[in-house]
Protein backbone atom coordinates (compact mmCIF):
# COMPACT_ATOMS: atom_id res chain seq x y z
CA MET A 1 108.20 144.81 128.36
CA THR A 2 106.08 141.86 129.16
CA ARG A 3 106.40 138.66 127.34
CA ILE A 4 103.61 138.27 124.55
CA ARG A 5 101.85 134.86 124.37
CA ARG A 6 101.56 133.88 120.76
CA GLY A 7 98.39 132.64 119.20
CA TYR A 8 97.73 128.75 118.54
CA ILE A 9 97.79 129.09 114.84
CA ALA A 10 101.48 128.24 114.17
CA ARG A 11 101.47 125.43 117.18
CA ARG A 12 98.54 124.04 115.18
CA ARG A 13 100.50 124.15 111.87
CA ARG A 14 103.47 122.21 113.63
CA THR A 15 101.27 119.70 115.22
CA LYS A 16 99.77 118.78 111.70
CA MET A 17 103.17 118.46 110.34
CA ARG A 18 104.23 116.03 113.28
CA LEU A 19 101.41 113.86 112.86
CA PHE A 20 102.56 113.52 109.29
CA VAL A 21 105.87 112.48 109.91
CA SER A 22 105.22 110.80 113.43
CA SER A 23 106.69 107.46 112.11
CA PHE A 24 109.96 108.93 110.98
CA ARG A 25 113.10 107.93 113.18
CA GLY A 26 115.42 110.43 115.00
CA ALA A 27 115.23 114.11 114.42
CA HIS A 28 113.45 113.95 111.28
CA SER A 29 110.15 113.26 113.45
CA ARG A 30 111.13 115.81 116.60
CA LEU A 31 112.74 118.87 114.58
CA THR A 32 110.58 121.73 112.84
CA ARG A 33 112.98 122.21 110.22
CA SER A 34 113.66 118.77 109.58
CA ILE A 35 110.11 117.82 109.66
CA ILE A 36 109.43 120.20 106.86
CA GLN A 37 112.42 118.94 104.65
CA GLN A 38 111.34 115.39 105.29
CA LYS A 39 107.79 116.13 104.56
CA ILE A 40 108.45 117.71 101.24
CA ARG A 41 110.97 115.22 100.34
CA ALA A 42 108.27 112.20 101.26
CA LEU A 43 105.77 113.88 99.03
CA VAL A 44 108.02 114.09 96.18
CA SER A 45 109.01 110.54 96.50
CA SER A 46 105.40 109.43 96.64
CA HIS A 47 104.53 111.70 93.41
CA ARG A 48 107.17 110.34 91.45
CA ASP A 49 106.84 106.62 92.53
CA ARG A 50 102.96 106.45 91.95
CA ASP A 51 104.20 106.84 87.92
CA ARG A 52 107.08 104.44 88.32
CA GLN A 53 104.40 101.82 89.96
CA LYS A 54 102.00 102.23 87.00
CA ARG A 55 105.21 101.52 84.64
CA ASN A 56 106.34 98.77 86.81
CA PHE A 57 103.02 96.78 86.44
CA ARG A 58 102.76 97.48 83.09
CA ARG A 59 106.08 95.74 82.38
CA LEU A 60 105.13 92.70 84.49
CA TRP A 61 101.86 92.12 82.66
CA VAL A 62 103.53 92.18 79.07
CA THR A 63 106.38 89.85 80.51
CA ARG A 64 103.78 87.44 81.78
CA ILE A 65 101.97 87.61 78.55
CA ASN A 66 104.99 87.16 76.38
CA ALA A 67 106.07 84.19 78.59
CA VAL A 68 102.80 82.34 78.02
CA ILE A 69 102.35 83.14 74.42
CA ARG A 70 105.95 82.04 73.75
CA GLY A 71 105.46 78.94 75.71
CA ASN A 72 102.83 77.79 73.44
CA ARG A 73 104.48 78.44 70.08
CA VAL A 74 107.95 79.84 69.42
CA SER A 75 106.92 81.59 66.38
CA TYR A 76 104.01 83.63 68.05
CA SER A 77 105.25 86.61 70.38
CA TYR A 78 103.53 89.40 72.49
CA SER A 79 103.90 92.05 69.68
CA ASP A 80 101.98 89.82 67.36
CA LEU A 81 99.25 89.20 69.87
CA ILE A 82 98.88 92.93 70.55
CA ASN A 83 99.01 93.79 66.77
CA ASN A 84 96.33 91.25 66.11
CA LEU A 85 93.98 92.59 68.98
CA TYR A 86 94.04 95.91 67.54
CA LYS A 87 93.11 94.79 64.05
CA ARG A 88 90.19 92.62 65.29
CA GLN A 89 89.43 95.69 67.72
CA LEU A 90 89.20 93.68 70.68
CA LEU A 91 89.02 95.68 74.17
CA LEU A 92 91.33 93.63 76.11
CA ASN A 93 94.00 95.47 77.95
CA ARG A 94 97.14 94.26 79.27
CA LYS A 95 96.22 93.83 82.73
CA ILE A 96 93.18 91.52 81.99
CA LEU A 97 95.46 89.62 79.44
CA ALA A 98 97.96 88.79 82.07
CA GLN A 99 95.34 87.51 84.82
CA ILE A 100 93.93 85.20 82.11
CA ALA A 101 97.49 84.21 81.14
CA ILE A 102 98.25 83.16 84.80
CA LEU A 103 94.58 81.84 85.59
CA ASN A 104 94.04 80.13 82.51
CA ARG A 105 96.32 79.79 79.89
CA ASN A 106 93.98 77.62 77.72
CA CYS A 107 91.49 80.55 77.48
CA LEU A 108 94.59 82.84 76.22
CA TYR A 109 95.81 80.05 73.84
CA THR A 110 92.08 80.01 72.50
CA ILE A 111 91.97 83.79 72.22
CA SER A 112 95.30 84.00 70.46
CA ASN A 113 94.30 81.17 67.74
CA ASP A 114 90.86 82.62 67.12
CA ILE A 115 92.73 86.13 66.71
CA ARG A 116 95.25 84.60 64.01
CA LYS A 117 92.55 82.96 61.78
């Protein structure tokens, strides 16, 4: 019986997978089974770490705001600042407050003092 040449679809699919994992080391970028497993693992990790990255940035912003606020007055804390912001219905998120805290501390001090009064 003569040999039947298969079509190009499977080869095209494997080529796409190889392009995805071309930067991986060793068999993870050469062997098809390993490529499939590593691609799945990489996509799962990237999906999980996007949520983790958001969480870490929020923690960083909170820490920066709290450090600047406590540096001004010991009796005033981050939670009091956020509570007063909500009472006054000011729409400043934590990212913007952290940028203000780093770039212009006096502005954050004036915001916090105006809110407290």
